[in-house]
PDB file of N, CA and C in Angstrom:
ATOM      1  N   MET A   1     178.525 118.396 102.194  1.00  0.00           N
ATOM      2  CA  MET A   1     179.569 118.269 103.236  1.00  0.00           C
ATOM      3  C   MET A   1     180.463 116.912 102.687  1.00  0.00           C
ATOM      4  N   SER A   2     181.706 117.054 102.521  1.00  0.00           N
ATOM      5  CA  SER A   2     182.629 116.173 102.014  1.00  0.00           C
ATOM      6  C   SER A   2     183.586 115.467 102.984  1.00  0.00           C
ATOM      7  N   VAL A   3     183.246 114.211 103.169  1.00  0.00           N
ATOM      8  CA  VAL A   3     184.171 113.462 104.205  1.00  0.00           C
ATOM      9  C   VAL A   3     185.074 112.517 103.362  1.00  0.00           C
ATOM     10  N   ASP A   4     185.032 112.417 102.140  1.00  0.00           N
ATOM     11  CA  ASP A   4     185.740 111.697 101.377  1.00  0.00           C
ATOM     12  C   ASP A   4     187.389 111.922 101.383  1.00  0.00           C
ATOM     13  N   SER A   5     187.744 113.186 101.431  1.00  0.00           N
ATOM     14  CA  SER A   5     189.212 113.550 101.368  1.00  0.00           C
ATOM     15  C   SER A   5     189.898 113.101 102.722  1.00  0.00           C
ATOM     16  N   PRO A   6     189.407 113.586 103.894  1.00  0.00           N
ATOM     17  CA  PRO A   6     190.046 113.051 105.045  1.00  0.00           C
ATOM     18  C   PRO A   6     189.845 111.596 105.166  1.00  0.00           C
ATOM     19  N   ALA A   7     188.811 110.885 105.093  1.00  0.00           N
ATOM     20  CA  ALA A   7     188.521 109.657 105.428  1.00  0.00           C
ATOM     21  C   ALA A   7     189.331 108.685 104.211  1.00  0.00           C
ATOM     22  N   GLY A   8     189.469 109.396 103.019  1.00  0.00           N
ATOM     23  CA  GLY A   8     189.998 108.612 101.918  1.00  0.00           C
ATOM     24  C   GLY A   8     191.470 108.552 102.233  1.00  0.00           C
ATOM     25  N   ARG A   9     192.139 109.842 102.750  1.00  0.00           N
ATOM     26  CA  ARG A   9     193.426 109.908 102.993  1.00  0.00           C
ATOM     27  C   ARG A   9     193.881 108.818 104.025  1.00  0.00           C
ATOM     28  N   ALA A  10     193.001 108.703 105.158  1.00  0.00           N
ATOM     29  CA  ALA A  10     193.247 107.835 106.199  1.00  0.00           C
ATOM     30  C   ALA A  10     193.236 106.309 105.587  1.00  0.00           C
ATOM     31  N   GLU A  11     192.198 106.123 104.880  1.00  0.00           N
ATOM     32  CA  GLU A  11     192.256 104.686 104.146  1.00  0.00           C
ATOM     33  C   GLU A  11     193.389 104.366 103.288  1.00  0.00           C
ATOM     34  N   THR A  12     193.890 105.287 102.453  1.00  0.00           N
ATOM     35  CA  THR A  12     194.789 104.876 101.399  1.00  0.00           C
ATOM     36  C   THR A  12     196.259 105.245 101.886  1.00  0.00           C
ATOM     37  N   ARG A  13     196.431 106.161 102.726  1.00  0.00           N
ATOM     38  CA  ARG A  13     197.686 106.676 103.206  1.00  0.00           C
ATOM     39  C   ARG A  13     198.431 106.149 104.420  1.00  0.00           C
ATOM     40  N   THR A  14     197.574 105.323 105.031  1.00  0.00           N
ATOM     41  CA  THR A  14     197.734 104.714 106.309  1.00  0.00           C
ATOM     42  C   THR A  14     198.234 103.292 105.981  1.00  0.00           C
ATOM     43  N   HIS A  15     199.459 102.876 106.651  1.00  0.00           N
ATOM     44  CA  HIS A  15     200.013 101.421 106.321  1.00  0.00           C
ATOM     45  C   HIS A  15     200.066 100.768 107.432  1.00  0.00           C
ATOM     46  N   TRP A  16     199.226  99.793 107.551  1.00  0.00           N
ATOM     47  CA  TRP A  16     199.155  99.035 108.785  1.00  0.00           C
ATOM     48  C   TRP A  16     200.079  97.821 108.811  1.00  0.00           C
ATOM     49  N   ARG A  17     200.785  97.462 109.842  1.00  0.00           N
ATOM     50  CA  ARG A  17     201.580  96.341 110.030  1.00  0.00           C
ATOM     51  C   ARG A  17     201.117  95.382 111.061  1.00  0.00           C
ATOM     52  N   GLY A  18     201.197  94.280 111.115  1.00  0.00           N
ATOM     53  CA  GLY A  18     200.902  93.439 112.106  1.00  0.00           C
ATOM     54  C   GLY A  18     200.018  92.315 111.618  1.00  0.00           C
ATOM     55  N   GLU A  19     199.494  91.409 112.484  1.00  0.00           N
ATOM     56  CA  GLU A  19     198.405  90.415 112.197  1.00  0.00           C
ATOM     57  C   GLU A  19     197.300  90.853 111.894  1.00  0.00           C
ATOM     58  N   GLY A  20     196.743  91.934 112.330  1.00  0.00           N
ATOM     59  CA  GLY A  20     195.372  92.326 112.148  1.00  0.00           C
ATOM     60  C   GLY A  20     195.444  93.420 111.222  1.00  0.00           C
ATOM     61  N   SER A  21     196.401  93.645 110.259  1.00  0.00           N
ATOM     62  CA  SER A  21     196.312  94.796 109.419  1.00  0.00           C
ATOM     63  C   SER A  21     195.321  94.626 108.532  1.00  0.00           C
ATOM     64  N   LYS A  22     194.876  93.549 107.983  1.00  0.00           N
ATOM     65  CA  LYS A  22     193.951  93.494 106.830  1.00  0.00           C
ATOM     66  C   LYS A  22     192.527  93.798 107.461  1.00  0.00           C
ATOM     67  N   GLN A  23     192.382  93.327 108.779  1.00  0.00           N
ATOM     68  CA  GLN A  23     191.119  93.794 109.293  1.00  0.00           C
ATOM     69  C   GLN A  23     190.884  95.251 109.652  1.00  0.00           C
ATOM     70  N   ASP A  24     192.116  95.886 110.054  1.00  0.00           N
ATOM     71  CA  ASP A  24     192.262  97.269 110.076  1.00  0.00           C
ATOM     72  C   ASP A  24     192.018  98.154 109.027  1.00  0.00           C
ATOM     73  N   VAL A  25     192.520  97.707 107.912  1.00  0.00           N
ATOM     74  CA  VAL A  25     192.325  98.469 106.441  1.00  0.00           C
ATOM     75  C   VAL A  25     190.651  98.302 106.179  1.00  0.00           C
ATOM     76  N   LYS A  26     190.255  97.091 106.398  1.00  0.00           N
ATOM     77  CA  LYS A  26     188.715  96.860 105.978  1.00  0.00           C
ATOM     78  C   LYS A  26     187.899  97.713 107.043  1.00  0.00           C
ATOM     79  N   ARG A  27     188.231  97.848 108.265  1.00  0.00           N
ATOM     80  CA  ARG A  27     187.359  98.777 109.126  1.00  0.00           C
ATOM     81  C   ARG A  27     187.509 100.214 108.750  1.00  0.00           C
ATOM     82  N   VAL A  28     188.750 100.697 108.389  1.00  0.00           N
ATOM     83  CA  VAL A  28     188.762 102.152 108.062  1.00  0.00           C
ATOM     84  C   VAL A  28     188.105 102.246 106.853  1.00  0.00           C
ATOM     85  N   GLY A  29     187.961 101.460 105.784  1.00  0.00           N
ATOM     86  CA  GLY A  29     187.164 101.592 104.655  1.00  0.00           C
ATOM     87  C   GLY A  29     185.760 101.619 104.943  1.00  0.00           C
ATOM     88  N   GLU A  30     185.238 100.698 105.876  1.00  0.00           N
ATOM     89  CA  GLU A  30     183.877 100.726 106.233  1.00  0.00           C
ATOM     90  C   GLU A  30     183.395 102.150 106.916  1.00  0.00           C
ATOM     91  N   ALA A  31     184.428 102.481 107.871  1.00  0.00           N
ATOM     92  CA  ALA A  31     184.126 103.745 108.454  1.00  0.00           C
ATOM     93  C   ALA A  31     183.826 104.989 107.479  1.00  0.00           C
ATOM     94  N   ARG A  32     184.826 104.993 106.461  1.00  0.00           N
ATOM     95  CA  ARG A  32     184.783 105.918 105.478  1.00  0.00           C
ATOM     96  C   ARG A  32     183.426 105.890 104.785  1.00  0.00           C
ATOM     97  N   ARG A  33     182.979 104.680 104.204  1.00  0.00           N
ATOM     98  CA  ARG A  33     181.684 104.556 103.600  1.00  0.00           C
ATOM     99  C   ARG A  33     180.643 105.194 104.580  1.00  0.00           C
ATOM    100  N   LEU A  34     180.713 104.746 106.087  1.00  0.00           N
ATOM    101  CA  LEU A  34     179.680 105.074 106.892  1.00  0.00           C
ATOM    102  C   LEU A  34     179.660 106.602 107.044  1.00  0.00           C
ATOM    103  N   LEU A  35     180.771 107.264 107.055  1.00  0.00           N
ATOM    104  CA  LEU A  35     180.773 108.749 107.192  1.00  0.00           C
ATOM    105  C   LEU A  35     180.261 109.348 105.910  1.00  0.00           C
ATOM    106  N   ALA A  36     180.547 108.815 104.690  1.00  0.00           N
ATOM    107  CA  ALA A  36     180.026 109.330 103.548  1.00  0.00           C
ATOM    108  C   ALA A  36     178.396 109.362 103.561  1.00  0.00           C
ATOM    109  N   ASP A  37     177.972 108.134 103.973  1.00  0.00           N
ATOM    110  CA  ASP A  37     176.461 107.928 103.912  1.00  0.00           C
ATOM    111  C   ASP A  37     175.785 108.774 104.931  1.00  0.00           C
ATOM    112  N   LEU A  38     176.453 108.865 106.175  1.00  0.00           N
ATOM    113  CA  LEU A  38     175.955 109.866 107.230  1.00  0.00           C
ATOM    114  C   LEU A  38     175.940 111.245 106.576  1.00  0.00           C
ATOM    115  N   ALA A  39     177.017 111.680 105.990  1.00  0.00           N
ATOM    116  CA  ALA A  39     177.086 113.201 105.459  1.00  0.00           C
ATOM    117  C   ALA A  39     176.021 113.367 104.367  1.00  0.00           C
ATOM    118  N   GLU A  40     175.661 112.260 103.541  1.00  0.00           N
ATOM    119  CA  GLU A  40     174.679 112.312 102.505  1.00  0.00           C
ATOM    120  C   GLU A  40     173.455 112.560 103.155  1.00  0.00           C
ATOM    121  N   GLY A  41     173.014 111.680 104.143  1.00  0.00           N
ATOM    122  CA  GLY A  41     171.873 111.657 104.941  1.00  0.00           C
ATOM    123  C   GLY A  41     171.501 113.243 105.502  1.00  0.00           C
ATOM    124  N   TYR A  42     172.573 113.716 106.188  1.00  0.00           N
ATOM    125  CA  TYR A  42     172.404 114.948 106.787  1.00  0.00           C
ATOM    126  C   TYR A  42     172.206 116.101 105.657  1.00  0.00           C
ATOM    127  N   ASP A  43     172.934 115.912 104.473  1.00  0.00           N
ATOM    128  CA  ASP A  43     172.730 116.829 103.410  1.00  0.00           C
ATOM    129  C   ASP A  43     171.188 116.780 103.007  1.00  0.00           C
ATOM    130  N   LYS A  44     170.707 115.593 102.771  1.00  0.00           N
ATOM    131  CA  LYS A  44     169.324 115.419 102.217  1.00  0.00           C
ATOM    132  C   LYS A  44     168.400 116.210 103.566  1.00  0.00           C
ATOM    133  N   ALA A  45     168.623 115.643 104.868  1.00  0.00           N
ATOM    134  CA  ALA A  45     167.782 116.345 105.824  1.00  0.00           C
ATOM    135  C   ALA A  45     167.732 117.792 105.765  1.00  0.00           C
ATOM    136  N   ALA A  46     168.944 118.365 105.559  1.00  0.00           N
ATOM    137  CA  ALA A  46     168.988 119.851 105.750  1.00  0.00           C
ATOM    138  C   ALA A  46     168.277 120.445 104.569  1.00  0.00           C
ATOM    139  N   SER A  47     168.266 119.865 103.270  1.00  0.00           N
ATOM    140  CA  SER A  47     167.715 120.249 102.257  1.00  0.00           C
ATOM    141  C   SER A  47     166.094 120.243 102.335  1.00  0.00           C
ATOM    142  N   ALA A  48     165.732 119.146 102.985  1.00  0.00           N
ATOM    143  CA  ALA A  48     164.344 118.968 103.337  1.00  0.00           C
ATOM    144  C   ALA A  48     163.722 119.976 104.303  1.00  0.00           C
ATOM    145  N   LEU A  49     164.513 120.336 105.318  1.00  0.00           N
ATOM    146  CA  LEU A  49     164.201 121.175 106.395  1.00  0.00           C
ATOM    147  C   LEU A  49     164.186 122.628 105.660  1.00  0.00           C
ATOM    148  N   ARG A  50     165.073 123.074 104.752  1.00  0.00           N
ATOM    149  CA  ARG A  50     164.989 124.256 104.078  1.00  0.00           C
ATOM    150  C   ARG A  50     163.722 124.426 103.271  1.00  0.00           C
ATOM    151  N   SER A  51     163.239 123.275 102.454  1.00  0.00           N
ATOM    152  CA  SER A  51     162.051 123.357 101.853  1.00  0.00           C
ATOM    153  C   SER A  51     160.807 123.473 102.654  1.00  0.00           C
ATOM    154  N   CYS A  52     160.919 122.769 103.874  1.00  0.00           N
ATOM    155  CA  CYS A  52     159.849 123.002 104.718  1.00  0.00           C
ATOM    156  C   CYS A  52     159.647 124.422 105.344  1.00  0.00           C
ATOM    157  N   ALA A  53     160.744 124.759 105.544  1.00  0.00           N
ATOM    158  CA  ALA A  53     160.788 126.337 106.316  1.00  0.00           C
ATOM    159  C   ALA A  53     160.246 127.296 105.152  1.00  0.00           C
ATOM    160  N   ALA A  54     160.523 126.986 103.826  1.00  0.00           N
ATOM    161  CA  ALA A  54     160.196 127.955 102.647  1.00  0.00           C
ATOM    162  C   ALA A  54     158.744 127.805 102.573  1.00  0.00           C
ATOM    163  N   ALA A  55     158.210 126.504 102.644  1.00  0.00           N
ATOM    164  CA  ALA A  55     156.794 126.224 102.670  1.00  0.00           C
ATOM    165  C   ALA A  55     156.024 126.841 103.620  1.00  0.00           C
ATOM    166  N   LEU A  56     156.509 126.623 104.828  1.00  0.00           N
ATOM    167  CA  LEU A  56     155.799 127.348 106.048  1.00  0.00           C
ATOM    168  C   LEU A  56     155.586 128.726 105.867  1.00  0.00           C
ATOM    169  N   GLU A  57     156.801 129.318 105.330  1.00  0.00           N
ATOM    170  CA  GLU A  57     156.534 130.900 105.401  1.00  0.00           C
ATOM    171  C   GLU A  57     155.574 131.341 104.137  1.00  0.00           C
ATOM    172  N   THR A  58     155.477 130.451 103.135  1.00  0.00           N
ATOM    173  CA  THR A  58     154.429 130.665 101.993  1.00  0.00           C
ATOM    174  C   THR A  58     152.947 130.425 102.727  1.00  0.00           C
ATOM    175  N   ALA A  59     152.776 129.299 103.601  1.00  0.00           N
ATOM    176  CA  ALA A  59     151.611 129.029 104.184  1.00  0.00           C
ATOM    177  C   ALA A  59     151.266 130.187 105.069  1.00  0.00           C
ATOM    178  N   LYS A  60     152.163 130.714 106.071  1.00  0.00           N
ATOM    179  CA  LYS A  60     151.870 131.692 106.890  1.00  0.00           C
ATOM    180  C   LYS A  60     151.370 133.106 105.957  1.00  0.00           C
ATOM    181  N   SER A  61     152.069 133.263 104.939  1.00  0.00           N
ATOM    182  CA  SER A  61     151.426 134.311 104.169  1.00  0.00           C
ATOM    183  C   SER A  61     150.049 134.185 103.549  1.00  0.00           C
ATOM    184  N   HIS A  62     149.870 133.005 103.173  1.00  0.00           N
ATOM    185  CA  HIS A  62     148.539 132.626 102.477  1.00  0.00           C
ATOM    186  C   HIS A  62     147.378 132.920 103.676  1.00  0.00           C
ATOM    187  N   TYR A  63     147.632 132.334 104.961  1.00  0.00           N
ATOM    188  CA  TYR A  63     146.910 132.454 106.104  1.00  0.00           C
ATOM    189  C   TYR A  63     146.642 133.845 106.418  1.00  0.00           C
ATOM    190  N   SER A  64     147.650 134.728 106.385  1.00  0.00           N
ATOM    191  CA  SER A  64     147.443 136.196 106.783  1.00  0.00           C
ATOM    192  C   SER A  64     146.603 136.824 105.721  1.00  0.00           C
ATOM    193  N   ASP A  65     146.908 136.406 104.299  1.00  0.00           N
ATOM    194  CA  ASP A  65     146.043 136.913 103.447  1.00  0.00           C
ATOM    195  C   ASP A  65     144.570 136.781 103.611  1.00  0.00           C
ATOM    196  N   GLY A  66     144.361 135.342 103.820  1.00  0.00           N
ATOM    197  CA  GLY A  66     142.966 134.654 104.088  1.00  0.00           C
ATOM    198  C   GLY A  66     142.323 135.499 105.349  1.00  0.00           C
ATOM    199  N   LYS A  67     142.840 135.677 106.230  1.00  0.00           N
ATOM    200  CA  LYS A  67     142.314 136.336 107.444  1.00  0.00           C
ATOM    201  C   LYS A  67     142.050 137.717 107.107  1.00  0.00           C
ATOM    202  N   ALA A  68     142.725 138.562 106.217  1.00  0.00           N
ATOM    203  CA  ALA A  68     142.455 139.836 105.888  1.00  0.00           C
ATOM    204  C   ALA A  68     141.197 139.792 104.831  1.00  0.00           C
ATOM    205  N   ALA A  69     141.215 138.767 104.064  1.00  0.00           N
ATOM    206  CA  ALA A  69     140.205 138.635 103.076  1.00  0.00           C
ATOM    207  C   ALA A  69     138.822 138.326 103.706  1.00  0.00           C
ATOM    208  N   GLU A  70     138.920 137.632 104.859  1.00  0.00           N
ATOM    209  CA  GLU A  70     137.607 137.165 105.567  1.00  0.00           C
ATOM    210  C   GLU A  70     136.935 138.484 106.245  1.00  0.00           C
ATOM    211  N   ARG A  71     137.898 139.299 106.744  1.00  0.00           N
ATOM    212  CA  ARG A  71     137.435 140.391 107.410  1.00  0.00           C
ATOM    213  C   ARG A  71     136.720 141.544 106.611  1.00  0.00           C
ATOM    214  N   SER A  72     137.380 141.503 105.270  1.00  0.00           N
ATOM    215  CA  SER A  72     137.142 142.587 104.508  1.00  0.00           C
ATOM    216  C   SER A  72     135.492 142.835 104.087  1.00  0.00           C
ATOM    217  N   PRO A  73     135.014 141.702 103.627  1.00  0.00           N
ATOM    218  CA  PRO A  73     133.461 141.929 103.235  1.00  0.00           C
ATOM    219  C   PRO A  73     132.573 142.169 104.520  1.00  0.00           C
ATOM    220  N   ALA A  74     132.943 141.636 105.606  1.00  0.00           N
ATOM    221  CA  ALA A  74     132.012 142.088 106.783  1.00  0.00           C
ATOM    222  C   ALA A  74     132.451 143.513 107.130  1.00  0.00           C
ATOM    223  N   ALA A  75     133.382 144.052 106.852  1.00  0.00           N
ATOM    224  CA  ALA A  75     133.726 145.419 107.271  1.00  0.00           C
ATOM    225  C   ALA A  75     132.991 146.259 106.057  1.00  0.00           C
ATOM    226  N   LEU A  76     132.919 145.743 104.806  1.00  0.00           N
ATOM    227  CA  LEU A  76     132.289 146.759 103.786  1.00  0.00           C
ATOM    228  C   LEU A  76     130.691 146.607 104.047  1.00  0.00           C
ATOM    229  N   ILE A  77     130.055 145.533 104.593  1.00  0.00           N
ATOM    230  CA  ILE A  77     128.692 145.592 104.755  1.00  0.00           C
ATOM    231  C   ILE A  77     128.329 145.934 106.115  1.00  0.00           C
ATOM    232  N   GLY A  78     129.272 146.246 106.885  1.00  0.00           N
ATOM    233  CA  GLY A  78     128.877 146.785 108.305  1.00  0.00           C
ATOM    234  C   GLY A  78     128.357 145.695 109.432  1.00  0.00           C
ATOM    235  N   THR A  79     128.893 144.391 109.221  1.00  0.00           N
ATOM    236  CA  THR A  79     128.433 143.461 110.111  1.00  0.00           C
ATOM    237  C   THR A  79     129.288 142.821 110.944  1.00  0.00           C
ATOM    238  N   GLU A  80     130.641 143.490 110.741  1.00  0.00           N
ATOM    239  CA  GLU A  80     131.614 142.841 111.573  1.00  0.00           C
ATOM    240  C   GLU A  80     131.401 143.043 113.107  1.00  0.00           C
ATOM    241  N   GLY A  81     131.561 141.917 113.779  1.00  0.00           N
ATOM    242  CA  GLY A  81     131.356 141.803 115.146  1.00  0.00           C
ATOM    243  C   GLY A  81     129.732 141.738 115.512  1.00  0.00           C
ATOM    244  N   THR A  82     128.842 141.728 114.757  1.00  0.00           N
ATOM    245  CA  THR A  82     127.473 141.731 115.115  1.00  0.00           C
ATOM    246  C   THR A  82     126.895 140.310 114.764  1.00  0.00           C
ATOM    247  N   GLU A  83     125.807 140.035 115.486  1.00  0.00           N
ATOM    248  CA  GLU A  83     125.101 138.785 115.287  1.00  0.00           C
ATOM    249  C   GLU A  83     123.875 139.062 114.242  1.00  0.00           C
ATOM    250  N   GLY A  84     123.252 138.000 113.765  1.00  0.00           N
ATOM    251  CA  GLY A  84     121.991 138.291 112.934  1.00  0.00           C
ATOM    252  C   GLY A  84     120.919 138.083 113.837  1.00  0.00           C
ATOM    253  N   THR A  85     119.819 138.732 113.208  1.00  0.00           N
ATOM    254  CA  THR A  85     118.631 138.803 113.998  1.00  0.00           C
ATOM    255  C   THR A  85     117.590 138.216 113.325  1.00  0.00           C
ATOM    256  N   ALA A  86     116.615 137.376 114.160  1.00  0.00           N
ATOM    257  CA  ALA A  86     115.573 136.685 113.312  1.00  0.00           C
ATOM    258  C   ALA A  86     114.557 137.870 113.101  1.00  0.00           C
ATOM    259  N   VAL A  87     114.157 137.811 111.690  1.00  0.00           N
ATOM    260  CA  VAL A  87     113.328 138.851 111.117  1.00  0.00           C
ATOM    261  C   VAL A  87     111.819 138.366 111.236  1.00  0.00           C
ATOM    262  N   THR A  88     111.639 137.192 110.619  1.00  0.00           N
ATOM    263  CA  THR A  88     110.354 136.685 110.583  1.00  0.00           C
ATOM    264  C   THR A  88     109.848 135.971 111.754  1.00  0.00           C
ATOM    265  N   ARG A  89     108.445 135.975 111.931  1.00  0.00           N
ATOM    266  CA  ARG A  89     107.917 135.364 113.244  1.00  0.00           C
ATOM    267  C   ARG A  89     108.373 133.883 113.306  1.00  0.00           C
ATOM    268  N   THR A  90     108.388 133.321 112.098  1.00  0.00           N
ATOM    269  CA  THR A  90     108.846 131.806 112.218  1.00  0.00           C
ATOM    270  C   THR A  90     110.317 131.687 112.693  1.00  0.00           C
ATOM    271  N   ALA A  91     111.157 132.526 112.324  1.00  0.00           N
ATOM    272  CA  ALA A  91     112.384 132.562 112.610  1.00  0.00           C
ATOM    273  C   ALA A  91     112.495 132.835 114.199  1.00  0.00           C
ATOM    274  N   GLN A  92     111.806 133.795 114.566  1.00  0.00           N
ATOM    275  CA  GLN A  92     111.878 134.306 115.986  1.00  0.00           C
ATOM    276  C   GLN A  92     111.326 133.113 116.912  1.00  0.00           C
ATOM    277  N   ASP A  93     110.369 132.347 116.554  1.00  0.00           N
ATOM    278  CA  ASP A  93     109.802 131.294 117.270  1.00  0.00           C
ATOM    279  C   ASP A  93     110.826 130.209 117.435  1.00  0.00           C
ATOM    280  N   ARG A  94     111.735 130.094 116.356  1.00  0.00           N
ATOM    281  CA  ARG A  94     112.620 129.045 116.535  1.00  0.00           C
ATOM    282  C   ARG A  94     113.930 129.164 117.331  1.00  0.00           C
ATOM    283  N   ILE A  95     114.054 130.451 117.858  1.00  0.00           N
ATOM    284  CA  ILE A  95     115.303 130.812 118.698  1.00  0.00           C
ATOM    285  C   ILE A  95     114.984 130.637 120.097  1.00  0.00           C
ATOM    286  N   GLY A  96     115.751 129.957 120.734  1.00  0.00           N
ATOM    287  CA  GLY A  96     115.354 129.651 122.155  1.00  0.00           C
ATOM    288  C   GLY A  96     115.891 130.739 123.197  1.00  0.00           C
ATOM    289  N   SER A  97     115.626 130.582 124.394  1.00  0.00           N
ATOM    290  CA  SER A  97     115.850 131.779 125.313  1.00  0.00           C
ATOM    291  C   SER A  97     117.306 131.972 125.430  1.00  0.00           C
ATOM    292  N   ASP A  98     118.090 130.781 125.021  1.00  0.00           N
ATOM    293  CA  ASP A  98     119.541 131.061 125.343  1.00  0.00           C
ATOM    294  C   ASP A  98     120.244 131.634 123.850  1.00  0.00           C
ATOM    295  N   GLY A  99     119.455 132.058 122.960  1.00  0.00           N
ATOM    296  CA  GLY A  99     119.988 132.611 121.650  1.00  0.00           C
ATOM    297  C   GLY A  99     120.046 131.582 120.624  1.00  0.00           C
ATOM    298  N   TYR A 100     120.344 130.357 120.835  1.00  0.00           N
ATOM    299  CA  TYR A 100     120.423 129.371 119.761  1.00  0.00           C
ATOM    300  C   TYR A 100     119.308 128.761 119.139  1.00  0.00           C
ATOM    301  N   PRO A 101     119.196 128.318 118.015  1.00  0.00           N
ATOM    302  CA  PRO A 101     117.950 127.616 117.330  1.00  0.00           C
ATOM    303  C   PRO A 101     117.582 126.535 118.258  1.00  0.00           C
ATOM    304  N   ARG A 102     116.255 126.350 118.351  1.00  0.00           N
ATOM    305  CA  ARG A 102     115.697 125.131 118.969  1.00  0.00           C
ATOM    306  C   ARG A 102     115.234 124.136 117.847  1.00  0.00           C
ATOM    307  N   SER A 103     115.346 122.833 118.179  1.00  0.00           N
ATOM    308  CA  SER A 103     114.978 121.803 117.277  1.00  0.00           C
ATOM    309  C   SER A 103     113.365 122.063 117.015  1.00  0.00           C
ATOM    310  N   VAL A 104     113.020 122.023 115.667  1.00  0.00           N
ATOM    311  CA  VAL A 104     111.603 122.267 115.483  1.00  0.00           C
ATOM    312  C   VAL A 104     111.282 121.095 114.604  1.00  0.00           C
ATOM    313  N   PRO A 105     110.205 120.453 114.830  1.00  0.00           N
ATOM    314  CA  PRO A 105     109.845 119.311 114.172  1.00  0.00           C
ATOM    315  C   PRO A 105     109.195 119.757 112.640  1.00  0.00           C
ATOM    316  N   PHE A 106     109.566 118.947 111.775  1.00  0.00           N
ATOM    317  CA  PHE A 106     108.870 119.218 110.363  1.00  0.00           C
ATOM    318  C   PHE A 106     107.496 119.237 110.256  1.00  0.00           C
ATOM    319  N   ARG A 107     106.787 120.052 109.591  1.00  0.00           N
ATOM    320  CA  ARG A 107     105.197 120.051 109.530  1.00  0.00           C
ATOM    321  C   ARG A 107     104.950 119.719 108.171  1.00  0.00           C
TER     322      ARG A 107
END
């Protein structure tokens, strides 16, 4: 975004007359520089937002790929949506009535 042309024209082509003309010329120059700095800031912010949006799209793709890869092995071995079963007597003894492991002291 370029603000130098209109602001520059206002600064160089406007001829102020009167007691405060020097102050007016100075203020127009300050306003032009302020507008140029604001435009530069907005350009940088827009660029950063575009980069962020692109990175977000990449991240969403990676997340989707990861979720699919996570489901794939479970589907292959037939354990998708099932829970493990305690096979040994020791493991069965360590499962509480609520289905969660109990704290068992070391022996």
